[in-house]
Protein backbone atom coordinates (compact mmCIF):
# COMPACT_ATOMS: atom_id res chain seq x y z
CA MET A 1 172.02 193.23 177.05
CA ALA A 2 174.19 193.00 174.24
CA ASN A 3 172.32 190.50 171.18
CA LYS A 4 174.85 188.23 171.17
CA TYR A 5 173.69 186.42 168.46
CA ASN A 6 173.56 187.10 164.37
CA THR A 7 170.51 186.20 163.09
CA ILE A 8 168.08 186.34 165.86
CA THR A 9 167.58 188.40 168.55
CA LEU A 10 167.18 187.66 172.11
CA GLU A 11 165.63 190.13 174.40
CA LYS A 12 164.97 190.23 178.12
CA SER A 13 161.73 192.86 180.12
CA GLU A 14 160.78 191.93 183.57
CA SER A 15 159.21 188.44 183.27
CA ILE A 16 159.08 188.24 179.09
CA ALA A 17 161.72 186.96 176.57
CA THR A 18 161.25 188.09 172.95
CA ILE A 19 163.11 185.80 169.94
CA THR A 20 163.48 188.16 166.75
CA LEU A 21 164.34 186.34 163.36
CA ASN A 22 166.78 188.83 162.66
CA ARG A 23 166.91 188.17 158.80
CA PRO A 24 164.90 190.43 157.07
CA GLU A 25 166.76 190.93 153.63
CA ARG A 26 165.89 186.55 153.94
CA LEU A 27 162.55 187.08 155.11
CA ASN A 28 163.93 185.24 157.65
CA ALA A 29 164.78 182.44 156.75
CA ILE A 30 166.46 179.62 158.16
CA ASN A 31 170.29 178.94 157.71
CA ILE A 32 172.34 176.18 159.57
CA GLU A 33 174.17 179.06 162.18
CA LEU A 34 170.16 180.12 162.60
CA GLY A 35 169.03 177.06 164.25
CA TYR A 36 172.31 177.14 166.44
CA GLU A 37 171.92 180.29 167.30
CA PHE A 38 168.06 179.74 168.42
CA LEU A 39 168.88 176.99 170.09
CA ASP A 40 171.29 178.23 172.52
CA ALA A 41 168.40 180.94 173.14
CA LEU A 42 165.72 178.88 174.11
CA ASN A 43 168.01 177.06 176.22
CA ASP A 44 169.03 180.88 177.76
CA CYS A 45 165.27 181.21 179.00
CA GLU A 46 164.52 177.46 179.59
CA MET A 47 167.45 178.99 182.56
CA ASP A 48 166.53 181.85 183.26
CA ASP A 49 164.31 182.24 186.06
CA ASN A 50 163.78 185.38 185.75
CA VAL A 51 161.88 184.65 182.20
CA ARG A 52 158.18 183.46 182.88
CA CYS A 53 157.17 183.51 178.92
CA ILE A 54 158.75 183.94 175.56
CA ILE A 55 157.25 185.66 172.77
CA LEU A 56 158.73 184.08 169.47
CA THR A 57 158.66 187.02 166.26
CA GLY A 58 160.55 187.77 162.98
CA THR A 59 161.74 191.28 162.14
CA GLY A 60 160.40 193.11 159.00
CA ARG A 61 157.43 191.97 157.12
CA SER A 62 157.34 187.80 157.60
CA PHE A 63 157.64 185.97 160.08
CA CYS A 64 159.69 183.37 158.03
CA ALA A 65 160.25 181.82 154.72
CA GLY A 66 161.64 178.85 155.56
CA ASP A 67 164.56 176.78 154.79
CA ASP A 68 166.59 179.42 152.85
CA LEU A 69 167.76 177.19 149.57
CA LYS A 70 170.74 179.77 148.91
CA GLY A 71 172.38 180.52 151.72
CA MET A 72 171.71 177.84 155.18
CA GLU A 73 175.58 177.35 154.88
CA ASN A 74 178.52 179.34 155.67
CA ASP A 75 182.32 179.36 155.84
CA LYS A 76 181.87 178.94 159.93
CA PHE A 77 178.71 176.98 159.71
CA PRO A 78 178.98 174.58 156.98
CA ARG A 79 176.51 172.08 155.85
CA GLU A 80 176.86 168.26 156.95
CA THR A 81 176.14 165.44 156.20
CA GLY A 82 176.81 161.67 156.71
CA PRO A 83 175.34 158.15 155.78
CA ASP A 84 171.95 158.25 156.53
CA GLU A 85 169.89 160.64 155.13
CA VAL A 86 166.52 160.52 157.14
CA LYS A 87 168.82 160.95 160.03
CA HIS A 88 170.32 164.55 158.78
CA TYR A 89 166.70 166.21 157.64
CA THR A 90 165.35 165.29 161.39
CA PHE A 91 168.42 165.63 163.38
CA GLY A 92 170.72 168.06 161.88
CA ALA A 93 171.82 171.28 163.45
CA ASN A 94 170.41 173.86 160.95
CA ARG A 95 167.10 171.61 161.31
CA TRP A 96 163.62 173.16 162.64
CA THR A 97 162.60 169.71 163.76
CA LEU A 98 165.31 170.18 166.70
CA VAL A 99 163.92 173.51 167.49
CA VAL A 100 160.44 172.87 167.46
CA ASN A 101 161.74 169.73 169.72
CA ALA A 102 163.19 172.10 172.14
CA MET A 103 159.97 174.54 172.17
CA ARG A 104 157.87 171.29 172.96
CA ARG A 105 160.02 170.62 175.72
CA LEU A 106 160.22 173.90 177.78
CA ALA A 107 157.77 173.69 180.52
CA LYS A 108 157.69 177.57 180.13
CA PRO A 109 154.53 179.42 178.00
CA ILE A 110 155.60 180.51 173.92
CA ILE A 111 153.70 182.75 172.14
CA GLY A 112 154.02 183.06 168.38
CA SER A 113 153.56 187.31 167.27
CA LEU A 114 152.99 186.25 163.03
CA ARG A 115 153.24 188.91 159.93
CA GLY A 116 153.23 187.52 156.73
CA HIS A 117 154.98 184.61 155.47
CA ALA A 118 155.06 181.74 157.37
CA HIS A 119 156.12 178.90 154.78
CA GLY A 120 157.53 175.77 154.60
CA GLY A 121 160.29 175.31 158.15
CA GLY A 122 158.24 179.03 159.29
CA PHE A 123 155.10 177.33 159.23
CA ASN A 124 156.33 174.38 161.66
CA LEU A 125 158.25 177.16 164.13
CA ALA A 126 154.89 178.76 164.43
CA MET A 127 153.35 175.38 165.00
CA GLY A 128 155.89 174.98 167.72
CA THR A 129 154.31 177.88 169.70
CA ASP A 130 151.75 177.42 172.18
CA ILE A 131 149.54 180.20 171.31
CA ARG A 132 149.41 182.26 167.59
CA ILE A 133 148.41 186.05 167.07
CA ALA A 134 148.61 186.86 163.99
CA SER A 135 148.71 189.45 162.28
CA ASP A 136 145.24 190.51 159.35
CA THR A 137 148.93 189.71 156.74
CA LEU A 138 149.67 186.25 157.26
CA ASP A 139 150.07 183.74 155.16
CA MET A 140 150.06 180.02 155.87
CA ALA A 141 151.69 177.42 153.29
CA ILE A 142 153.52 173.90 153.06
CA PRO A 143 154.99 174.43 149.75
CA PHE A 144 156.63 171.53 149.29
CA ILE A 145 154.93 169.74 147.17
CA LYS A 146 155.37 172.80 144.33
CA TRP A 147 159.17 171.51 144.31
CA ALA A 148 158.61 167.86 144.27
CA GLN A 149 159.25 167.55 147.63
CA ALA A 150 157.40 165.23 149.97
CA THR A 151 156.42 166.54 153.16
CA GLY A 152 154.39 165.01 156.65
CA ALA A 153 152.02 165.84 159.15
CA ASN A 154 153.59 169.16 159.88
CA GLN A 155 151.69 168.51 163.05
CA LEU A 156 149.16 169.74 161.68
CA HIS A 157 147.20 166.49 162.96
CA TYR A 158 147.05 168.52 166.52
CA HIS A 159 144.85 170.70 164.75
CA ILE A 160 143.20 169.99 162.28
CA GLY A 161 141.49 167.11 159.71
CA ILE A 162 143.21 164.43 157.56
CA GLY A 163 141.31 165.96 154.96
CA LEU A 164 142.47 169.11 155.06
CA THR A 165 145.96 168.10 155.81
CA LEU A 166 146.20 166.26 152.23
CA GLU A 167 144.51 169.70 150.70
CA LEU A 168 146.88 171.24 152.55
CA ALA A 169 149.99 169.02 151.49
CA PHE A 170 148.58 168.19 147.77
CA THR A 171 148.66 171.44 146.70
CA GLY A 172 151.11 173.69 148.25
CA ASP A 173 148.57 175.93 147.95
CA SER A 174 148.54 179.36 151.05
CA ILE A 175 146.33 180.89 153.70
CA ASN A 176 145.31 183.60 154.63
CA ALA A 177 145.16 184.97 158.71
CA GLU A 178 141.41 184.89 158.18
CA ARG A 179 141.04 180.71 157.42
CA ALA A 180 144.00 179.96 159.70
CA GLU A 181 141.72 181.25 162.34
CA ARG A 182 138.40 179.57 161.13
CA LEU A 183 140.74 176.17 161.25
CA GLY A 184 142.20 176.22 164.70
CA LEU A 185 145.77 176.88 163.33
CA ILE A 186 145.85 180.45 164.79
CA ASN A 187 144.17 181.59 168.03
CA LYS A 188 143.61 185.06 167.05
CA VAL A 189 143.76 187.99 164.32
CA VAL A 190 144.13 191.33 165.31
CA PRO A 191 145.04 194.26 162.43
CA ASP A 192 148.87 194.54 161.91
CA ASP A 193 149.42 197.73 163.65
CA LYS A 194 148.59 196.75 166.96
CA LEU A 195 150.20 193.38 166.48
CA GLU A 196 153.00 194.00 169.01
CA GLU A 197 150.26 195.59 171.77
CA GLU A 198 148.32 192.82 171.65
CA THR A 199 150.95 190.10 171.47
CA LEU A 200 152.13 191.81 174.69
CA ALA A 201 149.56 192.08 176.35
CA PHE A 202 148.57 188.25 176.06
CA ALA A 203 152.25 187.70 177.36
CA LYS A 204 151.91 189.69 180.83
CA ARG A 205 149.16 187.99 181.79
CA LEU A 206 150.74 184.77 181.09
CA ALA A 207 154.14 185.93 183.08
CA ASN A 208 152.23 186.96 185.66
CA GLY A 209 150.78 183.23 186.19
CA PRO A 210 151.88 180.33 187.94
CA THR A 211 154.20 179.35 186.17
CA ARG A 212 155.57 176.00 186.93
CA SER A 213 151.98 175.09 186.87
CA ILE A 214 151.63 176.02 183.29
CA GLY A 215 154.74 174.57 182.11
CA LEU A 216 152.92 171.06 183.40
CA THR A 217 150.27 172.00 182.10
CA LYS A 218 151.86 172.11 179.09
CA SER A 219 154.11 169.02 179.14
CA ALA A 220 150.88 167.27 180.63
CA ILE A 221 148.53 167.93 177.29
CA TYR A 222 151.41 167.60 173.79
CA LYS A 223 152.13 163.92 175.43
CA GLY A 224 148.30 163.24 176.71
CA TRP A 225 147.91 164.27 173.40
CA ASN A 226 146.10 161.66 170.64
CA LYS A 227 146.72 159.45 173.15
CA ASP A 228 144.82 157.38 175.20
CA LEU A 229 142.47 157.77 178.16
CA ASP A 230 144.04 156.25 181.20
CA THR A 231 147.85 157.41 179.38
CA ALA A 232 146.24 160.86 178.93
CA PHE A 233 144.82 160.99 182.99
CA ASP A 234 148.46 158.88 184.32
CA TYR A 235 150.12 162.44 182.86
CA GLN A 236 147.37 164.87 183.76
CA GLY A 237 147.79 163.56 187.17
CA ILE A 238 151.35 163.81 187.60
CA ALA A 239 151.07 167.37 186.51
CA GLN A 240 148.29 168.34 189.23
CA VAL A 241 151.25 166.17 191.89
CA PHE A 242 153.72 168.33 191.00
CA ALA A 243 151.65 171.55 190.87
CA ARG A 244 150.85 170.57 194.20
CA GLN A 245 153.70 170.73 196.06
CA SER A 246 154.26 174.80 193.94
CA ASP A 247 154.82 177.70 196.47
CA ASP A 248 152.23 179.79 193.87
CA HIS A 249 149.74 176.59 194.29
CA ALA A 250 149.86 177.73 198.03
CA GLU A 251 149.60 181.34 197.22
CA GLY A 252 146.80 180.47 195.05
CA ARG A 253 144.92 178.54 197.99
CA LEU A 254 145.68 181.09 200.44
CA ALA A 255 144.58 183.86 198.82
CA PHE A 256 141.11 182.41 197.84
CA SER A 257 140.19 182.06 201.15
CA GLU A 258 141.15 185.24 201.66
CA LYS A 259 139.09 186.68 198.83
CA ARG A 260 142.20 188.62 197.01
CA LYS A 261 143.99 188.41 193.63
CA PRO A 262 146.31 186.12 193.69
CA GLU A 263 150.06 186.94 193.18
CA PHE A 264 151.89 184.60 191.85
CA LYS A 265 156.00 183.67 191.47
CA GLY A 266 156.20 181.71 188.62
CA GLN A 267 157.29 178.88 191.87
């Protein structure tokens, strides 16, 4: 499949799609064009029934160094501004915030395959994935304070306490892969030369699973997180009711009764 993008690549093999940030000369920093292309690739994966798991990674030695402060716009993709600066920050066309929201709402599992820098906006793209497998070269940071910029929770409230979040935000210091795994920001750390192999193995496992049930579970967990118990249980109940209507649920029950491994189709 020919690549139609300039700043990313999208490759599909069997039931796995790989989106690769592809600006290695800028450590895959985010610009306006990349924002548009990334959203388009996510929509492509969402609408393709053959795609049952997505890998997000970066070309070269770094996943993503954050916003490209020196090359945010070009003639084809100019910077758009308006009177509401807060709205532009949150919903501007190039913003990682829109991409993270799209990843969270996409009803298929997304695995981050991370090495090198995951800073600023790149940190948030990494944390927007559902499962994160990291090279031992990973370096994560929310460094905004070093330029006297302010920041927010950066999705850290899903993973660590407020004291650690404030430490990372107040200092802008980076943390290595070992500490990131210890804090629960990373699911697994592997040697750098094993990153692709380990990521693909996990992606195949998820891609062979009951995709619709995984998507419903993903939605229920994200929507129920930090909610009161009744609301969280409601989301869980909704997910369960719809999952029971799937073809894969029927196959799972049949396989259990026949004492064999189920063959899920993702439907």
